[in-house]
Structures are given as C-alpha cells and as structure tokens.
C-alpha cells in the first residue's frame, strides 16, 4: 500500500511517499482510509517535538475516516461500516489498523472529509469548552488563533453552546469567513486586541479565553479575563511555552486550565464516546466541520508546510479515492 513515511525528523521535508506492507490487524480494526486530517500534532511529530515519539521510520497521521475492511468479532464493527478513528500515527496511508476503542461511527450526514476533521480539533474543543472551561450559555469566549483548525472548531462549538464569540486573528482576509462561522466580533491581533476585548465587553473582560498559541498572547489573555474567568490552554503553536505569576491567578480569582484531550482519554476512556455523542448532537442540529483545503496523499508534505506557514484557513485533509 502507499503511505507517507517519515525517515528523518526534519519536518515535512523528511517524509516521502513509499510502498509499504499493510499493517498487521490482529485484534484491530483495519480501515480503508478515505480521508486523513492534517493537524498540528502531525507537524510536531515530523520534527520529533511531540510527546508521542515513534521510532524511525514511521507513518504519521493522527486522525482518519474511512471504511472498515476487517474487525474483531466483538468490536461492534463490520466490513463496510463508515468510521472515523484517532489513529495517533499511521493515518497518512491507504490503510491503517486501529484499536477498536479508538474507532467511532461516522454520523450519516457527514462525508469522509468532514468526518476526518471531527476528531482532533472538534473532540478537543468540545472537551475543552464543556468539561474544562465549564462554558455556560451567554458567556463571552475569546478565541486566539481563530482562523486555524482549533480556532474555527472553537467558534462553531462555542456558538452551539450559546456563547458570544470574539475571534482574534493575525492573518488578512479571514474576517468574513470567521463571521460566517458565527463569530460575533473579529479583532486583529496586532491592533491591541486585549484593549479591544475589554471595550467589547464593557470593561469587564471575557469569561473564557481559548489559547492554542501561547507566547506573548498568553500574557494578554490573562489580563482580559473577567473575575472567575477561565483561560484554557490548548497548545503552543507560537512556539514558546508561557509562564504565569500565580499571584495574578489568586488575587484576580481566575483559573488557568489545560485541555490535553489525548492524554485525558488515556486515563478516562469512556469520555471518548461521551464527547462523540455530544458532537453528533451538534451535527444533527446543523454543525458541519469546516474543510477548506484538500490535498492528495502524495502532497502530504505540502499540506504540512502550508499548515506551518499559516496558509490553511480552517481545516486541511488528505483525500483518497
């Protein structure tokens, strides 16, 4: 089968398209991959900077959607079932073998591209907003890095939960796109975004800030929180891991929480089905995952380069016939 193989930890340039044997599938669900999500963990793992560090050579790809080829008798899956799966690695291939616990049915109204997008970003952000941030209807959510995959999924899910959304964006040309997704206000990162958030909230600040960026944006995110506000740390796409003086947390009565979804489901595996059920309800009410960029499997390195350069608006996927 064809697969994208990382042979050196130098980023997208260290991967090539190769013919390799199909994965062993005993005790696993073997999936004929139709779409693979392109996500930030895939980029990090290509540099050897992700917490999951498989030995070289390996096939990257954390999320897939496709059709079951074979499955254990007691798995609940049968050949022909449309499924999505958190593959962690191995997803940039024509076939992948995944533990049954990591496989979920695709909602009937979603296509494979949309289903592959539902995993890393939407599962993470449903968990982050509902369980970690304790989002309540009517609260204001500020979304940093709003034009990327995490940002767009956050906008949609926050609106689905009845929140007001302020999108903070660096890139040009994204304002209309973000408003179409549901953002109530769009603020430029370079234009004193913190002051603008305080202005838009009548000086009180936001109840929730979602930060997948880190770095300098983190410090301002702490400042714009309202009393009892929650800053949700999703990642460090900006490269720098931030620090905070805890006296600011104490005296302002704010919370800083992490949302490491992959780690959480390793310790609380039942949460996967709970979050998936919540996402299915959102989909049934009209939410559709945003896929704006599609690449063939052989252009996986290009897709990751575009992601790294900030050229992907929303979500990118690798598609196969």
C-alpha atoms as a PDB file:
ATOM      1  CA  UNK A   1       0.000   0.000   0.000  1.00  0.00           C
ATOM      2  CA  UNK A   2       1.010   3.630  -0.426  1.00  0.00           C
ATOM      3  CA  UNK A   3       1.960   5.560   2.684  1.00  0.00           C
ATOM      4  CA  UNK A   4       3.770   8.722   3.676  1.00  0.00           C
ATOM      5  CA  UNK A   5       6.846   7.693   5.669  1.00  0.00           C
ATOM      6  CA  UNK A   6       8.937   9.904   7.941  1.00  0.00           C
ATOM      7  CA  UNK A   7      12.575   8.848   7.531  1.00  0.00           C
ATOM      8  CA  UNK A   8      14.226  11.755   9.357  1.00  0.00           C
ATOM      9  CA  UNK A   9      12.982  14.236  11.952  1.00  0.00           C
ATOM     10  CA  UNK A  10      13.441  17.330   9.819  1.00  0.00           C
ATOM     11  CA  UNK A  11       9.818  18.339   9.376  1.00  0.00           C
ATOM     12  CA  UNK A  12       7.771  17.901   6.196  1.00  0.00           C
ATOM     13  CA  UNK A  13      10.963  17.580   4.147  1.00  0.00           C
ATOM     14  CA  UNK A  14      11.802  14.370   5.978  1.00  0.00           C
ATOM     15  CA  UNK A  15       8.855  12.406   4.596  1.00  0.00           C
ATOM     16  CA  UNK A  16       8.390  10.542   1.322  1.00  0.00           C
ATOM     17  CA  UNK A  17       5.634   8.540  -0.360  1.00  0.00           C
ATOM     18  CA  UNK A  18       6.521   4.840  -0.338  1.00  0.00           C
ATOM     19  CA  UNK A  19       5.017   1.424  -0.978  1.00  0.00           C
ATOM     20  CA  UNK A  20       4.989  -0.499   2.308  1.00  0.00           C
ATOM     21  CA  UNK A  21       3.235  -3.642   3.605  1.00  0.00           C
ATOM     22  CA  UNK A  22      -0.255  -3.317   5.023  1.00  0.00           C
ATOM     23  CA  UNK A  23      -0.321  -3.072   8.822  1.00  0.00           C
ATOM     24  CA  UNK A  24      -0.886  -6.203  10.883  1.00  0.00           C
ATOM     25  CA  UNK A  25      -4.508  -6.127  12.005  1.00  0.00           C
ATOM     26  CA  UNK A  26      -4.979  -8.948  14.511  1.00  0.00           C
ATOM     27  CA  UNK A  27      -7.206  -7.642  17.297  1.00  0.00           C
ATOM     28  CA  UNK A  28      -7.504  -4.309  15.497  1.00  0.00           C
ATOM     29  CA  UNK A  29      -9.938  -2.606  13.141  1.00  0.00           C
ATOM     30  CA  UNK A  30      -8.429  -2.393   9.658  1.00  0.00           C
ATOM     31  CA  UNK A  31      -9.647   0.723   7.862  1.00  0.00           C
ATOM     32  CA  UNK A  32      -9.527   1.612   4.172  1.00  0.00           C
ATOM     33  CA  UNK A  33      -8.659   5.295   4.562  1.00  0.00           C
ATOM     34  CA  UNK A  34     -10.685   7.806   2.548  1.00  0.00           C
ATOM     35  CA  UNK A  35      -9.534  10.996   4.287  1.00  0.00           C
ATOM     36  CA  UNK A  36      -6.818  11.899   6.785  1.00  0.00           C
ATOM     37  CA  UNK A  37      -6.939  15.059   8.838  1.00  0.00           C
ATOM     38  CA  UNK A  38      -3.888  17.329   8.748  1.00  0.00           C
ATOM     39  CA  UNK A  39      -3.288  18.610  12.258  1.00  0.00           C
ATOM     40  CA  UNK A  40      -0.626  20.346  14.306  1.00  0.00           C
ATOM     41  CA  UNK A  41       0.445  17.162  16.146  1.00  0.00           C
ATOM     42  CA  UNK A  42       1.331  15.682  12.733  1.00  0.00           C
ATOM     43  CA  UNK A  43       3.631  18.640  12.118  1.00  0.00           C
ATOM     44  CA  UNK A  44       5.240  18.416  15.551  1.00  0.00           C
ATOM     45  CA  UNK A  45       5.817  14.678  15.270  1.00  0.00           C
ATOM     46  CA  UNK A  46       7.591  15.190  11.933  1.00  0.00           C
ATOM     47  CA  UNK A  47      10.152  17.292  13.825  1.00  0.00           C
ATOM     48  CA  UNK A  48      10.362  14.919  16.783  1.00  0.00           C
ATOM     49  CA  UNK A  49       8.824  17.569  19.026  1.00  0.00           C
ATOM     50  CA  UNK A  50       5.617  15.785  20.015  1.00  0.00           C
ATOM     51  CA  UNK A  51       5.167  13.875  23.270  1.00  0.00           C
ATOM     52  CA  UNK A  52       4.412  10.759  21.235  1.00  0.00           C
ATOM     53  CA  UNK A  53       7.739   9.849  19.613  1.00  0.00           C
ATOM     54  CA  UNK A  54       7.656   6.679  17.486  1.00  0.00           C
ATOM     55  CA  UNK A  55      10.924   5.234  16.247  1.00  0.00           C
ATOM     56  CA  UNK A  56      12.003   5.978  12.691  1.00  0.00           C
ATOM     57  CA  UNK A  57      10.783   5.211  10.125  1.00  0.00           C
ATOM     58  CA  UNK A  58       7.093   5.738  10.818  1.00  0.00           C
ATOM     59  CA  UNK A  59       3.872   6.819   9.142  1.00  0.00           C
ATOM     60  CA  UNK A  60       2.342   9.989  10.636  1.00  0.00           C
ATOM     61  CA  UNK A  61      -1.362  10.782  10.731  1.00  0.00           C
ATOM     62  CA  UNK A  62      -3.411  11.176  13.906  1.00  0.00           C
ATOM     63  CA  UNK A  63      -6.961  11.137  12.507  1.00  0.00           C
ATOM     64  CA  UNK A  64      -8.700   9.273   9.699  1.00  0.00           C
ATOM     65  CA  UNK A  65     -12.069   8.467   8.231  1.00  0.00           C
ATOM     66  CA  UNK A  66     -12.816   5.515   6.016  1.00  0.00           C
ATOM     67  CA  UNK A  67     -14.438   2.121   5.608  1.00  0.00           C
ATOM     68  CA  UNK A  68     -13.886  -0.956   7.771  1.00  0.00           C
ATOM     69  CA  UNK A  69     -12.092  -3.778   5.953  1.00  0.00           C
ATOM     70  CA  UNK A  70     -11.983  -6.181   8.892  1.00  0.00           C
ATOM     71  CA  UNK A  71     -12.608  -6.044  12.622  1.00  0.00           C
ATOM     72  CA  UNK A  72     -12.598  -8.306  15.688  1.00  0.00           C
ATOM     73  CA  UNK A  73     -15.869 -10.170  16.162  1.00  0.00           C
ATOM     74  CA  UNK A  74     -16.632  -8.458  19.462  1.00  0.00           C
ATOM     75  CA  UNK A  75     -15.713  -4.926  18.337  1.00  0.00           C
ATOM     76  CA  UNK A  76     -19.154  -3.846  17.159  1.00  0.00           C
ATOM     77  CA  UNK A  77     -17.759  -3.034  13.706  1.00  0.00           C
ATOM     78  CA  UNK A  78     -18.166  -4.956  10.473  1.00  0.00           C
ATOM     79  CA  UNK A  79     -16.705  -4.670   6.963  1.00  0.00           C
ATOM     80  CA  UNK A  80     -18.329  -1.788   5.123  1.00  0.00           C
ATOM     81  CA  UNK A  81     -19.032   0.368   8.181  1.00  0.00           C
ATOM     82  CA  UNK A  82     -18.140   4.036   7.754  1.00  0.00           C
ATOM     83  CA  UNK A  83     -15.920   5.025  10.657  1.00  0.00           C
ATOM     84  CA  UNK A  84     -13.618   7.707  11.978  1.00  0.00           C
ATOM     85  CA  UNK A  85     -10.646   6.902  14.175  1.00  0.00           C
ATOM     86  CA  UNK A  86      -7.988   8.505  16.335  1.00  0.00           C
ATOM     87  CA  UNK A  87      -5.067   6.656  14.799  1.00  0.00           C
ATOM     88  CA  UNK A  88      -2.377   8.720  16.610  1.00  0.00           C
ATOM     89  CA  UNK A  89       0.094   7.620  13.930  1.00  0.00           C
ATOM     90  CA  UNK A  90      -0.316   5.659  10.707  1.00  0.00           C
ATOM     91  CA  UNK A  91      -3.121   7.724   9.196  1.00  0.00           C
ATOM     92  CA  UNK A  92      -1.209   9.046   6.166  1.00  0.00           C
ATOM     93  CA  UNK A  93      -1.666   5.748   4.351  1.00  0.00           C
ATOM     94  CA  UNK A  94      -4.130   3.823   2.245  1.00  0.00           C
ATOM     95  CA  UNK A  95      -4.919   1.572   5.199  1.00  0.00           C
ATOM     96  CA  UNK A  96      -4.477   1.830   8.954  1.00  0.00           C
ATOM     97  CA  UNK A  97      -5.099  -0.598  11.833  1.00  0.00           C
ATOM     98  CA  UNK A  98      -6.565   0.921  14.991  1.00  0.00           C
ATOM     99  CA  UNK A  99      -7.664  -0.326  18.398  1.00  0.00           C
ATOM    100  CA  UNK A 100     -11.463  -0.808  18.468  1.00  0.00           C
ATOM    101  CA  UNK A 101     -11.759   1.650  21.380  1.00  0.00           C
ATOM    102  CA  UNK A 102     -10.392   4.405  19.136  1.00  0.00           C
ATOM    103  CA  UNK A 103     -12.947   3.837  16.367  1.00  0.00           C
ATOM    104  CA  UNK A 104     -16.326   5.566  16.160  1.00  0.00           C
ATOM    105  CA  UNK A 105     -19.208   5.543  13.660  1.00  0.00           C
ATOM    106  CA  UNK A 106     -19.491   8.473  11.262  1.00  0.00           C
ATOM    107  CA  UNK A 107     -22.731  10.475  11.534  1.00  0.00           C
ATOM    108  CA  UNK A 108     -24.710   9.640   8.407  1.00  0.00           C
ATOM    109  CA  UNK A 109     -24.920  13.230   7.147  1.00  0.00           C
ATOM    110  CA  UNK A 110     -21.139  13.784   7.145  1.00  0.00           C
ATOM    111  CA  UNK A 111     -18.820  12.908   4.279  1.00  0.00           C
ATOM    112  CA  UNK A 112     -15.379  11.399   4.841  1.00  0.00           C
ATOM    113  CA  UNK A 113     -13.549  14.738   4.642  1.00  0.00           C
ATOM    114  CA  UNK A 114     -15.779  16.238   7.327  1.00  0.00           C
ATOM    115  CA  UNK A 115     -15.582  13.124   9.479  1.00  0.00           C
ATOM    116  CA  UNK A 116     -11.778  13.122   9.428  1.00  0.00           C
ATOM    117  CA  UNK A 117     -11.916  16.709  10.671  1.00  0.00           C
ATOM    118  CA  UNK A 118     -14.166  15.844  13.594  1.00  0.00           C
ATOM    119  CA  UNK A 119     -11.512  14.099  15.636  1.00  0.00           C
ATOM    120  CA  UNK A 120      -8.549  16.152  16.864  1.00  0.00           C
ATOM    121  CA  UNK A 121      -9.999  19.657  16.743  1.00  0.00           C
ATOM    122  CA  UNK A 122     -13.692  19.138  17.472  1.00  0.00           C
ATOM    123  CA  UNK A 123     -13.272  16.445  20.115  1.00  0.00           C
ATOM    124  CA  UNK A 124     -10.610  18.518  21.845  1.00  0.00           C
ATOM    125  CA  UNK A 125     -12.666  21.678  21.823  1.00  0.00           C
ATOM    126  CA  UNK A 126     -15.915  20.061  22.954  1.00  0.00           C
ATOM    127  CA  UNK A 127     -13.958  18.619  25.886  1.00  0.00           C
ATOM    128  CA  UNK A 128     -12.214  21.954  26.490  1.00  0.00           C
ATOM    129  CA  UNK A 129     -15.340  24.102  26.458  1.00  0.00           C
ATOM    130  CA  UNK A 130     -17.776  21.762  28.163  1.00  0.00           C
ATOM    131  CA  UNK A 131     -15.648  19.945  30.723  1.00  0.00           C
ATOM    132  CA  UNK A 132     -12.587  22.100  31.334  1.00  0.00           C
ATOM    133  CA  UNK A 133     -13.967  25.636  30.890  1.00  0.00           C
ATOM    134  CA  UNK A 134     -17.490  24.821  32.143  1.00  0.00           C
ATOM    135  CA  UNK A 135     -18.938  27.086  29.462  1.00  0.00           C
ATOM    136  CA  UNK A 136     -22.422  28.436  30.139  1.00  0.00           C
ATOM    137  CA  UNK A 137     -24.817  29.987  27.645  1.00  0.00           C
ATOM    138  CA  UNK A 138     -24.465  33.750  27.448  1.00  0.00           C
ATOM    139  CA  UNK A 139     -20.783  33.841  28.388  1.00  0.00           C
ATOM    140  CA  UNK A 140     -18.168  35.517  26.190  1.00  0.00           C
ATOM    141  CA  UNK A 141     -15.476  33.321  24.651  1.00  0.00           C
ATOM    142  CA  UNK A 142     -12.339  34.865  23.139  1.00  0.00           C
ATOM    143  CA  UNK A 143     -10.664  32.619  20.565  1.00  0.00           C
ATOM    144  CA  UNK A 144      -6.977  33.142  19.794  1.00  0.00           C
ATOM    145  CA  UNK A 145      -5.636  31.734  16.538  1.00  0.00           C
ATOM    146  CA  UNK A 146      -9.210  31.888  15.327  1.00  0.00           C
ATOM    147  CA  UNK A 147      -8.568  31.172  11.640  1.00  0.00           C
ATOM    148  CA  UNK A 148      -6.920  27.779  12.156  1.00  0.00           C
ATOM    149  CA  UNK A 149      -8.446  24.373  12.735  1.00  0.00           C
ATOM    150  CA  UNK A 150      -8.652  24.732  16.515  1.00  0.00           C
ATOM    151  CA  UNK A 151      -9.982  28.267  16.198  1.00  0.00           C
ATOM    152  CA  UNK A 152     -12.724  27.524  13.693  1.00  0.00           C
ATOM    153  CA  UNK A 153     -13.947  24.496  15.633  1.00  0.00           C
ATOM    154  CA  UNK A 154     -13.971  26.577  18.820  1.00  0.00           C
ATOM    155  CA  UNK A 155     -16.076  29.286  17.205  1.00  0.00           C
ATOM    156  CA  UNK A 156     -18.645  26.774  15.977  1.00  0.00           C
ATOM    157  CA  UNK A 157     -18.860  24.848  19.232  1.00  0.00           C
ATOM    158  CA  UNK A 158     -18.960  27.929  21.450  1.00  0.00           C
ATOM    159  CA  UNK A 159     -21.867  29.265  19.392  1.00  0.00           C
ATOM    160  CA  UNK A 160     -23.569  25.873  19.610  1.00  0.00           C
ATOM    161  CA  UNK A 161     -23.358  26.206  23.400  1.00  0.00           C
ATOM    162  CA  UNK A 162     -24.958  29.655  23.293  1.00  0.00           C
ATOM    163  CA  UNK A 163     -21.861  31.803  23.828  1.00  0.00           C
ATOM    164  CA  UNK A 164     -20.844  35.155  22.436  1.00  0.00           C
ATOM    165  CA  UNK A 165     -17.613  34.749  20.453  1.00  0.00           C
ATOM    166  CA  UNK A 166     -14.811  37.236  19.868  1.00  0.00           C
ATOM    167  CA  UNK A 167     -12.341  35.904  17.289  1.00  0.00           C
ATOM    168  CA  UNK A 168      -8.743  37.148  17.435  1.00  0.00           C
ATOM    169  CA  UNK A 169      -6.853  36.720  14.177  1.00  0.00           C
ATOM    170  CA  UNK A 170      -3.478  37.659  12.725  1.00  0.00           C
ATOM    171  CA  UNK A 171      -3.923  36.879   9.041  1.00  0.00           C
ATOM    172  CA  UNK A 172      -5.590  39.085   6.444  1.00  0.00           C
ATOM    173  CA  UNK A 173      -8.764  38.123   4.627  1.00  0.00           C
ATOM    174  CA  UNK A 174     -10.276  35.901   7.311  1.00  0.00           C
ATOM    175  CA  UNK A 175     -12.824  38.287   8.843  1.00  0.00           C
ATOM    176  CA  UNK A 176     -15.818  37.412   6.667  1.00  0.00           C
ATOM    177  CA  UNK A 177     -15.029  33.696   6.898  1.00  0.00           C
ATOM    178  CA  UNK A 178     -14.971  33.829  10.701  1.00  0.00           C
ATOM    179  CA  UNK A 179     -18.202  35.780  10.889  1.00  0.00           C
ATOM    180  CA  UNK A 180     -19.880  33.225   8.636  1.00  0.00           C
ATOM    181  CA  UNK A 181     -18.842  30.552  11.140  1.00  0.00           C
ATOM    182  CA  UNK A 182     -20.547  32.504  13.902  1.00  0.00           C
ATOM    183  CA  UNK A 183     -18.005  34.937  15.358  1.00  0.00           C
ATOM    184  CA  UNK A 184     -19.842  37.960  16.757  1.00  0.00           C
ATOM    185  CA  UNK A 185     -16.741  40.163  16.577  1.00  0.00           C
ATOM    186  CA  UNK A 186     -13.376  39.825  14.847  1.00  0.00           C
ATOM    187  CA  UNK A 187     -10.336  41.566  16.325  1.00  0.00           C
ATOM    188  CA  UNK A 188      -6.869  41.920  14.827  1.00  0.00           C
ATOM    189  CA  UNK A 189      -4.060  40.550  16.979  1.00  0.00           C
ATOM    190  CA  UNK A 190      -1.745  43.439  16.118  1.00  0.00           C
ATOM    191  CA  UNK A 191      -4.308  46.138  16.887  1.00  0.00           C
ATOM    192  CA  UNK A 192      -4.200  45.992  20.671  1.00  0.00           C
ATOM    193  CA  UNK A 193      -6.559  43.032  20.838  1.00  0.00           C
ATOM    194  CA  UNK A 194      -6.721  42.994  24.627  1.00  0.00           C
ATOM    195  CA  UNK A 195      -7.922  46.583  24.823  1.00  0.00           C
ATOM    196  CA  UNK A 196     -10.441  45.852  22.092  1.00  0.00           C
ATOM    197  CA  UNK A 197     -11.798  42.836  24.006  1.00  0.00           C
ATOM    198  CA  UNK A 198     -12.203  44.934  27.132  1.00  0.00           C
ATOM    199  CA  UNK A 199     -14.006  47.569  25.090  1.00  0.00           C
ATOM    200  CA  UNK A 200     -16.342  44.997  23.536  1.00  0.00           C
ATOM    201  CA  UNK A 201     -17.159  43.568  26.971  1.00  0.00           C
ATOM    202  CA  UNK A 202     -17.827  46.910  28.611  1.00  0.00           C
ATOM    203  CA  UNK A 203     -14.562  46.782  30.523  1.00  0.00           C
ATOM    204  CA  UNK A 204     -15.412  43.561  32.347  1.00  0.00           C
ATOM    205  CA  UNK A 205     -13.414  41.136  30.206  1.00  0.00           C
ATOM    206  CA  UNK A 206     -14.215  37.683  28.877  1.00  0.00           C
ATOM    207  CA  UNK A 207     -15.376  34.689  30.885  1.00  0.00           C
ATOM    208  CA  UNK A 208     -13.296  32.315  28.745  1.00  0.00           C
ATOM    209  CA  UNK A 209     -10.183  32.689  26.589  1.00  0.00           C
ATOM    210  CA  UNK A 210      -9.102  29.753  24.421  1.00  0.00           C
ATOM    211  CA  UNK A 211      -5.362  29.832  23.695  1.00  0.00           C
ATOM    212  CA  UNK A 212      -3.741  27.396  21.256  1.00  0.00           C
ATOM    213  CA  UNK A 213      -0.933  29.890  20.571  1.00  0.00           C
ATOM    214  CA  UNK A 214       0.992  30.682  23.765  1.00  0.00           C
ATOM    215  CA  UNK A 215       3.843  33.180  23.832  1.00  0.00           C
ATOM    216  CA  UNK A 216       3.064  36.877  24.172  1.00  0.00           C
ATOM    217  CA  UNK A 217      -0.637  36.270  23.517  1.00  0.00           C
ATOM    218  CA  UNK A 218      -0.868  34.248  26.733  1.00  0.00           C
ATOM    219  CA  UNK A 219       0.104  37.183  28.937  1.00  0.00           C
ATOM    220  CA  UNK A 220      -2.560  39.399  27.414  1.00  0.00           C
ATOM    221  CA  UNK A 221      -5.078  36.557  27.644  1.00  0.00           C
ATOM    222  CA  UNK A 222      -4.603  36.501  31.412  1.00  0.00           C
ATOM    223  CA  UNK A 223      -5.237  40.248  31.550  1.00  0.00           C
ATOM    224  CA  UNK A 224      -8.518  40.161  29.607  1.00  0.00           C
ATOM    225  CA  UNK A 225     -10.202  37.573  31.833  1.00  0.00           C
ATOM    226  CA  UNK A 226     -13.210  38.710  33.820  1.00  0.00           C
ATOM    227  CA  UNK A 227     -13.454  37.793  37.523  1.00  0.00           C
ATOM    228  CA  UNK A 228     -13.887  33.997  37.737  1.00  0.00           C
ATOM    229  CA  UNK A 229     -12.752  33.792  34.119  1.00  0.00           C
ATOM    230  CA  UNK A 230     -11.096  30.669  32.698  1.00  0.00           C
ATOM    231  CA  UNK A 231      -8.076  30.599  30.391  1.00  0.00           C
ATOM    232  CA  UNK A 232      -7.949  27.296  28.528  1.00  0.00           C
ATOM    233  CA  UNK A 233      -4.503  26.261  27.292  1.00  0.00           C
ATOM    234  CA  UNK A 234      -4.763  24.105  24.169  1.00  0.00           C
ATOM    235  CA  UNK A 235      -1.199  24.221  22.880  1.00  0.00           C
ATOM    236  CA  UNK A 236       1.800  26.304  21.936  1.00  0.00           C
ATOM    237  CA  UNK A 237       1.544  26.906  18.194  1.00  0.00           C
ATOM    238  CA  UNK A 238       3.530  30.118  18.655  1.00  0.00           C
ATOM    239  CA  UNK A 239       6.495  28.047  19.813  1.00  0.00           C
ATOM    240  CA  UNK A 240       7.014  29.494  23.304  1.00  0.00           C
ATOM    241  CA  UNK A 241       5.709  27.817  26.459  1.00  0.00           C
ATOM    242  CA  UNK A 242       4.337  30.546  28.678  1.00  0.00           C
ATOM    243  CA  UNK A 243       4.698  31.102  32.414  1.00  0.00           C
ATOM    244  CA  UNK A 244       2.381  32.900  34.802  1.00  0.00           C
ATOM    245  CA  UNK A 245       2.790  34.532  38.196  1.00  0.00           C
ATOM    246  CA  UNK A 246       0.304  32.710  40.384  1.00  0.00           C
ATOM    247  CA  UNK A 247      -0.411  35.794  42.486  1.00  0.00           C
ATOM    248  CA  UNK A 248      -2.292  37.132  39.457  1.00  0.00           C
ATOM    249  CA  UNK A 249      -4.399  33.976  39.435  1.00  0.00           C
ATOM    250  CA  UNK A 250      -5.068  34.277  43.153  1.00  0.00           C
ATOM    251  CA  UNK A 251      -5.954  37.941  43.509  1.00  0.00           C
ATOM    252  CA  UNK A 252      -7.987  38.175  40.304  1.00  0.00           C
ATOM    253  CA  UNK A 253      -9.947  34.997  41.080  1.00  0.00           C
ATOM    254  CA  UNK A 254      -9.249  33.450  37.698  1.00  0.00           C
ATOM    255  CA  UNK A 255      -8.462  29.902  36.577  1.00  0.00           C
ATOM    256  CA  UNK A 256      -5.921  28.592  34.083  1.00  0.00           C
ATOM    257  CA  UNK A 257      -6.731  25.082  32.898  1.00  0.00           C
ATOM    258  CA  UNK A 258      -5.248  22.698  30.378  1.00  0.00           C
ATOM    259  CA  UNK A 259      -7.163  20.664  27.820  1.00  0.00           C
ATOM    260  CA  UNK A 260      -4.970  17.739  26.744  1.00  0.00           C
ATOM    261  CA  UNK A 261      -7.661  15.581  25.176  1.00  0.00           C
ATOM    262  CA  UNK A 262      -5.419  12.736  24.024  1.00  0.00           C
ATOM    263  CA  UNK A 263      -3.940  12.329  27.481  1.00  0.00           C
ATOM    264  CA  UNK A 264      -7.361  12.566  29.138  1.00  0.00           C
ATOM    265  CA  UNK A 265      -8.894   9.715  27.167  1.00  0.00           C
ATOM    266  CA  UNK A 266      -5.929   7.503  28.013  1.00  0.00           C
ATOM    267  CA  UNK A 267      -6.956   7.757  31.667  1.00  0.00           C
ATOM    268  CA  UNK A 268     -10.711   8.232  31.140  1.00  0.00           C
ATOM    269  CA  UNK A 269     -11.514   6.152  28.024  1.00  0.00           C
ATOM    270  CA  UNK A 270     -15.288   6.417  28.480  1.00  0.00           C
ATOM    271  CA  UNK A 271     -15.024  10.142  27.787  1.00  0.00           C
ATOM    272  CA  UNK A 272     -14.426   9.438  24.088  1.00  0.00           C
ATOM    273  CA  UNK A 273     -17.935   8.115  23.484  1.00  0.00           C
ATOM    274  CA  UNK A 274     -19.439  10.881  25.633  1.00  0.00           C
ATOM    275  CA  UNK A 275     -17.754  13.630  23.633  1.00  0.00           C
ATOM    276  CA  UNK A 276     -18.539  11.913  20.332  1.00  0.00           C
ATOM    277  CA  UNK A 277     -22.214  11.698  21.317  1.00  0.00           C
ATOM    278  CA  UNK A 278     -22.199  15.424  22.089  1.00  0.00           C
ATOM    279  CA  UNK A 279     -20.638  16.176  18.700  1.00  0.00           C
ATOM    280  CA  UNK A 280     -23.208  14.017  16.934  1.00  0.00           C
ATOM    281  CA  UNK A 281     -25.936  16.074  18.604  1.00  0.00           C
ATOM    282  CA  UNK A 282     -24.282  19.277  17.372  1.00  0.00           C
ATOM    283  CA  UNK A 283     -24.061  17.823  13.855  1.00  0.00           C
ATOM    284  CA  UNK A 284     -27.724  16.833  13.931  1.00  0.00           C
ATOM    285  CA  UNK A 285     -28.549  20.440  14.845  1.00  0.00           C
ATOM    286  CA  UNK A 286     -26.631  21.795  11.867  1.00  0.00           C
ATOM    287  CA  UNK A 287     -22.922  21.988  12.726  1.00  0.00           C
ATOM    288  CA  UNK A 288     -20.649  20.909   9.870  1.00  0.00           C
ATOM    289  CA  UNK A 289     -16.873  20.589  10.255  1.00  0.00           C
ATOM    290  CA  UNK A 290     -15.031  23.172   8.172  1.00  0.00           C
ATOM    291  CA  UNK A 291     -12.787  21.717   5.450  1.00  0.00           C
ATOM    292  CA  UNK A 292     -11.213  24.366   3.237  1.00  0.00           C
ATOM    293  CA  UNK A 293      -8.099  22.659   1.829  1.00  0.00           C
ATOM    294  CA  UNK A 294      -7.802  19.217   0.249  1.00  0.00           C
ATOM    295  CA  UNK A 295      -4.581  17.527  -0.877  1.00  0.00           C
ATOM    296  CA  UNK A 296      -3.874  14.116  -2.419  1.00  0.00           C
ATOM    297  CA  UNK A 297      -1.853  11.732  -0.272  1.00  0.00           C
ATOM    298  CA  UNK A 298       1.320  12.369  -2.259  1.00  0.00           C
ATOM    299  CA  UNK A 299       1.161  16.057  -1.291  1.00  0.00           C
ATOM    300  CA  UNK A 300       1.130  15.439   2.462  1.00  0.00           C
ATOM    301  CA  UNK A 301       4.405  17.315   2.926  1.00  0.00           C
ATOM    302  CA  UNK A 302       2.958  20.317   1.076  1.00  0.00           C
ATOM    303  CA  UNK A 303      -0.116  20.236   3.316  1.00  0.00           C
ATOM    304  CA  UNK A 304       2.053  20.313   6.440  1.00  0.00           C
ATOM    305  CA  UNK A 305       4.220  23.100   5.021  1.00  0.00           C
ATOM    306  CA  UNK A 306       1.089  25.155   4.360  1.00  0.00           C
ATOM    307  CA  UNK A 307      -0.130  24.447   7.888  1.00  0.00           C
ATOM    308  CA  UNK A 308       3.231  25.511   9.307  1.00  0.00           C
ATOM    309  CA  UNK A 309       3.224  28.710   7.238  1.00  0.00           C
ATOM    310  CA  UNK A 310      -0.262  29.657   8.398  1.00  0.00           C
ATOM    311  CA  UNK A 311      -1.738  29.301   4.921  1.00  0.00           C
ATOM    312  CA  UNK A 312      -4.533  26.896   5.876  1.00  0.00           C
ATOM    313  CA  UNK A 313      -7.795  28.622   6.710  1.00  0.00           C
ATOM    314  CA  UNK A 314      -9.836  26.226   8.822  1.00  0.00           C
ATOM    315  CA  UNK A 315      -9.001  22.555   8.263  1.00  0.00           C
ATOM    316  CA  UNK A 316      -6.932  20.669   5.683  1.00  0.00           C
ATOM    317  CA  UNK A 317      -7.353  16.990   4.815  1.00  0.00           C
ATOM    318  CA  UNK A 318      -5.595  14.432   2.651  1.00  0.00           C
ATOM    319  CA  UNK A 319      -8.098  12.742   0.349  1.00  0.00           C
ATOM    320  CA  UNK A 320      -8.016   9.376  -1.393  1.00  0.00           C
ATOM    321  CA  UNK A 321     -10.298   7.783  -3.965  1.00  0.00           C
END
